[in-house]
Amino acid sequence: MSDQCQSEGKSSWPELLGAQGTDAKATIESENSSVKAVIVLEGSIVTQEIRCDRVRVWVDTYGIVTRVPIIQ
């Protein structure tokens, strides 16, 4: 998580590595109502700005989470 983001809720979800992306998205949004989880396919080009209300859920072509989701 960025030092700029001070969240009272959970900020990383290492237990979701290897999970289905859609399940990970639902879990993240239920555990921290301040963020919106966005599913992103590995290899996609994304912006680099820091957003304290966003968690990117990186998935492979099978929809499996490939990186630990964190607020960024």
Protein backbone atom coordinates (compact mmCIF):
# COMPACT_ATOMS: atom_id res chain seq x y z
CA MET A 1 0.00 0.00 0.00
CA SER A 2 1.21 3.47 -0.70
CA ASP A 3 2.33 5.61 2.24
CA GLN A 4 -0.20 8.16 0.99
CA CYS A 5 -3.13 5.84 1.65
CA GLN A 6 -4.30 5.68 5.24
CA SER A 7 -7.16 3.21 5.36
CA GLU A 8 -8.87 1.90 8.48
CA GLY A 9 -9.83 -1.29 6.67
CA LYS A 10 -7.73 -4.06 5.25
CA SER A 11 -5.15 -2.97 2.64
CA SER A 12 -3.75 -6.23 1.21
CA TRP A 13 -5.11 -9.70 0.56
CA PRO A 14 -2.28 -12.26 0.21
CA GLU A 15 -4.71 -15.10 0.90
CA LEU A 16 -6.43 -14.37 -2.45
CA LEU A 17 -3.38 -15.25 -4.55
CA GLY A 18 -4.51 -18.19 -6.70
CA ALA A 19 -8.23 -17.56 -6.13
CA GLN A 20 -10.83 -16.83 -8.82
CA GLY A 21 -10.73 -13.12 -9.70
CA THR A 22 -14.47 -12.61 -9.32
CA ASP A 23 -14.42 -14.18 -5.85
CA ALA A 24 -11.40 -12.05 -4.91
CA LYS A 25 -13.19 -8.88 -6.05
CA ALA A 26 -16.23 -9.71 -3.90
CA THR A 27 -14.06 -10.55 -0.87
CA ILE A 28 -12.02 -7.34 -1.13
CA GLU A 29 -15.08 -5.12 -1.44
CA SER A 30 -16.80 -6.86 1.49
CA GLU A 31 -13.72 -6.58 3.74
CA ASN A 32 -13.02 -2.91 2.95
CA SER A 33 -16.01 -0.85 1.87
CA SER A 34 -13.74 2.14 1.08
CA VAL A 35 -12.28 0.49 -2.02
CA LYS A 36 -13.46 -0.72 -5.41
CA ALA A 37 -11.75 -3.82 -6.75
CA VAL A 38 -11.03 -3.85 -10.48
CA ILE A 39 -10.18 -7.07 -12.33
CA VAL A 40 -7.28 -6.58 -14.76
CA LEU A 41 -5.90 -9.15 -17.20
CA GLU A 42 -2.13 -9.74 -16.86
CA GLY A 43 -0.29 -7.85 -19.60
CA SER A 44 -2.84 -5.03 -19.74
CA ILE A 45 -1.56 -1.47 -19.77
CA VAL A 46 -2.79 0.54 -16.79
CA THR A 47 -2.22 4.02 -15.44
CA GLN A 48 0.38 4.50 -12.69
CA GLU A 49 -1.42 7.03 -10.49
CA ILE A 50 -1.99 6.12 -6.86
CA ARG A 51 -5.64 5.78 -5.87
CA CYS A 52 -6.48 4.98 -2.28
CA ASP A 53 -9.92 3.73 -3.28
CA ARG A 54 -8.74 1.13 -5.81
CA VAL A 55 -7.46 -2.42 -5.64
CA ARG A 56 -6.37 -4.03 -8.88
CA VAL A 57 -7.02 -7.75 -9.05
CA TRP A 58 -4.56 -9.09 -11.63
CA VAL A 59 -5.74 -12.31 -13.26
CA ASP A 60 -4.49 -14.72 -15.93
CA THR A 61 -6.52 -15.89 -18.92
CA TYR A 62 -8.26 -18.44 -16.66
CA GLY A 63 -9.40 -15.72 -14.25
CA ILE A 64 -6.98 -16.77 -11.50
CA VAL A 65 -5.39 -14.07 -9.30
CA THR A 66 -1.68 -13.81 -10.16
CA ARG A 67 -0.53 -11.01 -7.80
CA VAL A 68 -1.35 -10.16 -4.21
CA PRO A 69 -4.13 -7.57 -4.34
CA ILE A 70 -3.18 -4.32 -2.55
CA ILE A 71 -4.50 -0.79 -2.35
CA GLN A 72 -2.61 1.27 -4.93
